[in-house]
Amino acid sequence: MAQKEQKPPAFQLYARDWLVSTAALSSAEQGVYMRLLCHEWVEGPLPSDEHILARLAGESLHQFRGIWRRIERHFPALPGGGFGNPRLEAERQRLAALRQERAASGRKGARSRWERTANG
């Protein structure tokens, strides 16, 4: 049976980068930014619908619109629709490549052990 690929449960947060890139944001803006990053990590690209974005952010539509104006540059529109954070998606790709590399190394090691056992 094929094993379902598991999504990584977490992403790297580099404290210095976060503090520098969000220093001009209010704590409410930082909170919405982080909530949207987390939703994107778990579910993939963020929806284009501002009502849904506001709900994901935990804000009223009115509050969200003001906050979104300050943070939307961190979530550019994607060609296929929706919004996404480029750095977060680069991290997702990096982790996927690392998982593939480790899986290939594991298969190679298992083959080597089985060949030694069979020959000997």
N, C-alpha and C. Protein backbone atom coordinates (compact mmCIF):
# COMPACT_ATOMS: atom_id res chain seq x y z
N MET A 1 0.84 -1.17 0.00
CA MET A 1 0.00 0.00 0.00
C MET A 1 0.90 1.25 0.00
N ALA A 2 0.57 2.20 -0.86
CA ALA A 2 1.36 3.43 -0.93
C ALA A 2 1.11 4.26 0.33
N GLN A 3 2.20 4.80 0.85
CA GLN A 3 2.10 5.60 2.06
C GLN A 3 1.71 7.03 1.69
N LYS A 4 0.76 7.58 2.42
CA LYS A 4 0.35 8.96 2.19
C LYS A 4 1.47 9.89 2.64
N GLU A 5 1.84 10.83 1.76
CA GLU A 5 2.91 11.76 2.12
C GLU A 5 2.41 12.70 3.21
N GLN A 6 3.18 12.77 4.27
CA GLN A 6 2.81 13.63 5.39
C GLN A 6 3.37 15.03 5.18
N LYS A 7 2.54 16.00 5.47
CA LYS A 7 2.99 17.39 5.39
C LYS A 7 3.81 17.70 6.63
N PRO A 8 4.86 18.50 6.48
CA PRO A 8 5.62 18.90 7.66
C PRO A 8 4.70 19.69 8.61
N PRO A 9 4.77 19.42 9.90
CA PRO A 9 3.88 20.09 10.84
C PRO A 9 4.30 21.52 11.18
N ALA A 10 5.51 21.89 10.83
CA ALA A 10 6.02 23.20 11.25
C ALA A 10 6.93 23.79 10.19
N PHE A 11 7.14 25.09 10.30
CA PHE A 11 8.10 25.76 9.43
C PHE A 11 9.09 26.54 10.30
N GLN A 12 10.25 26.81 9.73
CA GLN A 12 11.27 27.57 10.46
C GLN A 12 10.83 29.02 10.62
N LEU A 13 11.03 29.55 11.79
CA LEU A 13 10.82 30.98 12.03
C LEU A 13 12.15 31.54 12.51
N TYR A 14 12.71 32.40 11.72
CA TYR A 14 13.99 33.02 12.07
C TYR A 14 13.69 34.32 12.82
N ALA A 15 13.95 34.31 14.11
CA ALA A 15 13.55 35.41 14.99
C ALA A 15 14.05 36.76 14.49
N ARG A 16 15.31 36.86 14.12
CA ARG A 16 15.85 38.15 13.67
C ARG A 16 15.12 38.62 12.41
N ASP A 17 14.93 37.73 11.45
CA ASP A 17 14.24 38.11 10.21
C ASP A 17 12.81 38.57 10.49
N TRP A 18 12.12 37.83 11.39
CA TRP A 18 10.74 38.20 11.72
C TRP A 18 10.71 39.57 12.38
N LEU A 19 11.56 39.79 13.38
CA LEU A 19 11.56 41.06 14.09
C LEU A 19 11.89 42.23 13.16
N VAL A 20 12.87 42.04 12.30
CA VAL A 20 13.26 43.12 11.38
C VAL A 20 12.15 43.41 10.38
N SER A 21 11.58 42.35 9.79
CA SER A 21 10.58 42.55 8.73
C SER A 21 9.23 43.03 9.27
N THR A 22 8.99 42.86 10.56
CA THR A 22 7.69 43.28 11.11
C THR A 22 7.82 44.42 12.11
N ALA A 23 8.98 45.02 12.24
CA ALA A 23 9.21 46.07 13.24
C ALA A 23 8.25 47.25 13.10
N ALA A 24 7.85 47.56 11.88
CA ALA A 24 6.96 48.71 11.66
C ALA A 24 5.49 48.34 11.77
N LEU A 25 5.19 47.08 12.03
CA LEU A 25 3.80 46.64 12.14
C LEU A 25 3.33 46.67 13.59
N SER A 26 2.05 46.93 13.77
CA SER A 26 1.46 46.86 15.11
C SER A 26 1.37 45.40 15.53
N SER A 27 1.11 45.18 16.81
CA SER A 27 0.98 43.80 17.28
C SER A 27 -0.21 43.12 16.61
N ALA A 28 -1.29 43.85 16.35
CA ALA A 28 -2.45 43.26 15.64
C ALA A 28 -2.06 42.86 14.22
N GLU A 29 -1.30 43.72 13.55
CA GLU A 29 -0.85 43.40 12.19
C GLU A 29 0.08 42.20 12.19
N GLN A 30 0.96 42.13 13.18
CA GLN A 30 1.86 40.98 13.28
C GLN A 30 1.07 39.70 13.55
N GLY A 31 0.06 39.80 14.39
CA GLY A 31 -0.75 38.63 14.70
C GLY A 31 -1.49 38.10 13.48
N VAL A 32 -2.06 39.00 12.70
CA VAL A 32 -2.76 38.57 11.48
C VAL A 32 -1.77 37.98 10.49
N TYR A 33 -0.63 38.61 10.35
CA TYR A 33 0.41 38.11 9.45
C TYR A 33 0.78 36.67 9.85
N MET A 34 1.03 36.44 11.12
CA MET A 34 1.42 35.10 11.57
C MET A 34 0.29 34.09 11.39
N ARG A 35 -0.94 34.49 11.71
CA ARG A 35 -2.09 33.57 11.53
C ARG A 35 -2.21 33.17 10.06
N LEU A 36 -2.04 34.13 9.16
CA LEU A 36 -2.17 33.81 7.74
C LEU A 36 -1.01 32.92 7.27
N LEU A 37 0.19 33.17 7.78
CA LEU A 37 1.31 32.27 7.46
C LEU A 37 0.98 30.84 7.90
N CYS A 38 0.45 30.70 9.09
CA CYS A 38 0.12 29.36 9.61
C CYS A 38 -0.97 28.69 8.78
N HIS A 39 -2.00 29.44 8.42
CA HIS A 39 -3.05 28.87 7.57
C HIS A 39 -2.49 28.46 6.22
N GLU A 40 -1.64 29.28 5.66
CA GLU A 40 -1.03 28.94 4.36
C GLU A 40 -0.18 27.68 4.49
N TRP A 41 0.56 27.56 5.57
CA TRP A 41 1.42 26.38 5.76
C TRP A 41 0.58 25.10 5.80
N VAL A 42 -0.53 25.16 6.52
CA VAL A 42 -1.36 23.97 6.70
C VAL A 42 -2.21 23.68 5.46
N GLU A 43 -2.81 24.71 4.87
CA GLU A 43 -3.80 24.51 3.82
C GLU A 43 -3.32 24.84 2.40
N GLY A 44 -2.19 25.51 2.27
CA GLY A 44 -1.74 25.94 0.94
C GLY A 44 -2.14 27.38 0.70
N PRO A 45 -2.15 27.81 -0.55
CA PRO A 45 -2.41 29.23 -0.86
C PRO A 45 -3.66 29.76 -0.16
N LEU A 46 -3.57 31.01 0.23
CA LEU A 46 -4.70 31.67 0.88
C LEU A 46 -5.75 32.04 -0.15
N PRO A 47 -7.02 32.02 0.23
CA PRO A 47 -8.08 32.36 -0.71
C PRO A 47 -8.06 33.85 -1.07
N SER A 48 -8.65 34.17 -2.20
CA SER A 48 -8.74 35.57 -2.63
C SER A 48 -9.89 36.32 -1.96
N ASP A 49 -10.85 35.60 -1.46
CA ASP A 49 -12.04 36.19 -0.86
C ASP A 49 -11.68 36.86 0.46
N GLU A 50 -11.87 38.18 0.53
CA GLU A 50 -11.48 38.91 1.74
C GLU A 50 -12.33 38.54 2.95
N HIS A 51 -13.55 38.08 2.75
CA HIS A 51 -14.39 37.64 3.88
C HIS A 51 -13.78 36.40 4.54
N ILE A 52 -13.31 35.48 3.71
CA ILE A 52 -12.68 34.27 4.24
C ILE A 52 -11.35 34.61 4.89
N LEU A 53 -10.57 35.48 4.25
CA LEU A 53 -9.29 35.91 4.83
C LEU A 53 -9.51 36.55 6.20
N ALA A 54 -10.52 37.40 6.30
CA ALA A 54 -10.82 38.05 7.59
C ALA A 54 -11.16 37.01 8.64
N ARG A 55 -11.93 36.00 8.25
CA ARG A 55 -12.29 34.94 9.19
C ARG A 55 -11.05 34.17 9.62
N LEU A 56 -10.18 33.82 8.65
CA LEU A 56 -8.94 33.11 8.98
C LEU A 56 -8.06 33.94 9.91
N ALA A 57 -8.09 35.25 9.70
CA ALA A 57 -7.28 36.16 10.50
C ALA A 57 -7.87 36.40 11.89
N GLY A 58 -9.13 36.04 12.07
CA GLY A 58 -9.78 36.27 13.35
C GLY A 58 -10.18 37.72 13.57
N GLU A 59 -10.46 38.42 12.49
CA GLU A 59 -10.81 39.85 12.57
C GLU A 59 -12.13 40.11 11.87
N SER A 60 -12.77 41.21 12.24
CA SER A 60 -13.95 41.65 11.49
C SER A 60 -13.46 42.09 10.11
N LEU A 61 -14.36 42.11 9.15
CA LEU A 61 -13.97 42.52 7.80
C LEU A 61 -13.41 43.94 7.81
N HIS A 62 -14.04 44.82 8.58
CA HIS A 62 -13.57 46.21 8.66
C HIS A 62 -12.14 46.27 9.21
N GLN A 63 -11.90 45.59 10.32
CA GLN A 63 -10.56 45.58 10.91
C GLN A 63 -9.56 44.95 9.96
N PHE A 64 -9.96 43.84 9.34
CA PHE A 64 -9.06 43.11 8.45
C PHE A 64 -8.62 43.99 7.27
N ARG A 65 -9.54 44.73 6.70
CA ARG A 65 -9.19 45.56 5.53
C ARG A 65 -8.08 46.54 5.88
N GLY A 66 -8.14 47.14 7.04
CA GLY A 66 -7.08 48.08 7.45
C GLY A 66 -5.75 47.37 7.66
N ILE A 67 -5.80 46.21 8.26
CA ILE A 67 -4.57 45.44 8.51
C ILE A 67 -4.00 44.91 7.20
N TRP A 68 -4.88 44.42 6.33
CA TRP A 68 -4.43 43.84 5.06
C TRP A 68 -3.63 44.86 4.24
N ARG A 69 -4.06 46.10 4.26
CA ARG A 69 -3.32 47.15 3.52
C ARG A 69 -1.86 47.22 3.96
N ARG A 70 -1.60 46.92 5.23
CA ARG A 70 -0.24 47.00 5.77
C ARG A 70 0.57 45.73 5.52
N ILE A 71 -0.09 44.57 5.35
CA ILE A 71 0.66 43.32 5.24
C ILE A 71 0.54 42.63 3.89
N GLU A 72 -0.30 43.14 3.01
CA GLU A 72 -0.56 42.42 1.75
C GLU A 72 0.69 42.25 0.89
N ARG A 73 1.67 43.10 1.04
CA ARG A 73 2.89 42.96 0.24
C ARG A 73 3.64 41.66 0.58
N HIS A 74 3.35 41.11 1.75
CA HIS A 74 3.98 39.84 2.15
C HIS A 74 3.26 38.63 1.57
N PHE A 75 2.11 38.86 0.94
CA PHE A 75 1.30 37.79 0.36
C PHE A 75 0.88 38.17 -1.06
N PRO A 76 1.81 38.16 -2.01
CA PRO A 76 1.44 38.55 -3.37
C PRO A 76 0.44 37.57 -3.99
N ALA A 77 -0.32 38.08 -4.97
CA ALA A 77 -1.28 37.23 -5.69
C ALA A 77 -0.51 36.16 -6.45
N LEU A 78 -1.09 34.97 -6.47
CA LEU A 78 -0.47 33.84 -7.16
C LEU A 78 -1.09 33.66 -8.55
N PRO A 79 -0.31 33.16 -9.50
CA PRO A 79 -0.83 32.98 -10.86
C PRO A 79 -2.09 32.11 -10.92
N GLY A 80 -2.17 31.09 -10.07
CA GLY A 80 -3.34 30.20 -10.08
C GLY A 80 -4.50 30.71 -9.24
N GLY A 81 -4.35 31.88 -8.65
CA GLY A 81 -5.38 32.43 -7.78
C GLY A 81 -4.97 32.35 -6.32
N GLY A 82 -5.53 33.22 -5.54
CA GLY A 82 -5.21 33.26 -4.12
C GLY A 82 -3.94 34.05 -3.85
N PHE A 83 -3.47 33.96 -2.61
CA PHE A 83 -2.29 34.68 -2.17
C PHE A 83 -1.31 33.72 -1.52
N GLY A 84 -0.03 34.07 -1.56
CA GLY A 84 0.96 33.23 -0.93
C GLY A 84 2.21 34.01 -0.55
N ASN A 85 2.85 33.56 0.50
CA ASN A 85 4.08 34.17 0.96
C ASN A 85 5.26 33.47 0.29
N PRO A 86 6.04 34.19 -0.52
CA PRO A 86 7.13 33.55 -1.27
C PRO A 86 8.15 32.83 -0.38
N ARG A 87 8.49 33.42 0.73
CA ARG A 87 9.49 32.78 1.59
C ARG A 87 8.95 31.50 2.21
N LEU A 88 7.69 31.51 2.60
CA LEU A 88 7.08 30.32 3.17
C LEU A 88 7.04 29.19 2.13
N GLU A 89 6.69 29.54 0.90
CA GLU A 89 6.62 28.52 -0.15
C GLU A 89 8.02 28.00 -0.51
N ALA A 90 9.03 28.86 -0.43
CA ALA A 90 10.41 28.40 -0.65
C ALA A 90 10.81 27.42 0.44
N GLU A 91 10.40 27.68 1.67
CA GLU A 91 10.68 26.77 2.78
C GLU A 91 9.96 25.44 2.58
N ARG A 92 8.74 25.48 2.07
CA ARG A 92 7.99 24.26 1.79
C ARG A 92 8.73 23.42 0.74
N GLN A 93 9.23 24.07 -0.31
CA GLN A 93 9.97 23.36 -1.35
C GLN A 93 11.28 22.80 -0.82
N ARG A 94 11.96 23.55 0.03
CA ARG A 94 13.22 23.09 0.61
C ARG A 94 12.99 21.83 1.46
N LEU A 95 11.94 21.86 2.27
CA LEU A 95 11.65 20.70 3.11
C LEU A 95 11.23 19.49 2.28
N ALA A 96 10.49 19.71 1.21
CA ALA A 96 10.08 18.60 0.34
C ALA A 96 11.30 17.96 -0.30
N ALA A 97 12.24 18.78 -0.77
CA ALA A 97 13.47 18.25 -1.37
C ALA A 97 14.29 17.48 -0.33
N LEU A 98 14.38 18.00 0.87
CA LEU A 98 15.11 17.33 1.94
C LEU A 98 14.47 15.98 2.28
N ARG A 99 13.14 15.95 2.35
CA ARG A 99 12.44 14.68 2.61
C ARG A 99 12.73 13.65 1.52
N GLN A 100 12.71 14.09 0.27
CA GLN A 100 12.99 13.18 -0.85
C GLN A 100 14.42 12.66 -0.77
N GLU A 101 15.34 13.55 -0.46
CA GLU A 101 16.75 13.16 -0.35
C GLU A 101 16.94 12.14 0.77
N ARG A 102 16.33 12.37 1.91
CA ARG A 102 16.46 11.45 3.03
C ARG A 102 15.79 10.11 2.74
N ALA A 103 14.65 10.15 2.06
CA ALA A 103 13.98 8.90 1.70
C ALA A 103 14.84 8.09 0.75
N ALA A 104 15.46 8.75 -0.22
CA ALA A 104 16.33 8.04 -1.16
C ALA A 104 17.53 7.45 -0.43
N SER A 105 18.11 8.18 0.50
CA SER A 105 19.23 7.67 1.29
C SER A 105 18.80 6.46 2.12
N GLY A 106 17.61 6.52 2.68
CA GLY A 106 17.10 5.41 3.47
C GLY A 106 16.90 4.17 2.62
N ARG A 107 16.34 4.34 1.43
CA ARG A 107 16.16 3.19 0.52
C ARG A 107 17.50 2.60 0.12
N LYS A 108 18.47 3.46 -0.16
CA LYS A 108 19.80 3.00 -0.55
C LYS A 108 20.45 2.20 0.58
N GLY A 109 20.33 2.71 1.81
CA GLY A 109 20.89 2.01 2.96
C GLY A 109 20.21 0.67 3.20
N ALA A 110 18.89 0.62 3.03
CA ALA A 110 18.16 -0.63 3.22
C ALA A 110 18.57 -1.65 2.17
N ARG A 111 18.71 -1.21 0.91
CA ARG A 111 19.16 -2.12 -0.14
C ARG A 111 20.53 -2.69 0.19
N SER A 112 21.41 -1.85 0.65
CA SER A 112 22.77 -2.28 0.99
C SER A 112 22.75 -3.32 2.09
N ARG A 113 21.94 -3.09 3.12
CA ARG A 113 21.84 -4.06 4.21
C ARG A 113 21.26 -5.38 3.73
N TRP A 114 20.23 -5.33 2.91
CA TRP A 114 19.60 -6.56 2.41
C TRP A 114 20.55 -7.33 1.51
N GLU A 115 21.33 -6.62 0.71
CA GLU A 115 22.29 -7.30 -0.17
C GLU A 115 23.38 -7.99 0.64
N ARG A 116 23.86 -7.33 1.69
CA ARG A 116 24.86 -7.96 2.56
C ARG A 116 24.30 -9.20 3.24
N THR A 117 23.05 -9.10 3.70
CA THR A 117 22.42 -10.23 4.38
C THR A 117 22.21 -11.39 3.41
N ALA A 118 21.77 -11.08 2.21
CA ALA A 118 21.51 -12.12 1.22
C ALA A 118 22.78 -12.80 0.75
N ASN A 119 23.89 -12.06 0.70
CA ASN A 119 25.16 -12.60 0.22
C ASN A 119 25.98 -13.21 1.34
N GLY A 120 25.50 -13.08 2.51
CA GLY A 120 26.22 -13.55 3.46
C GLY A 120 26.72 -14.00 4.59
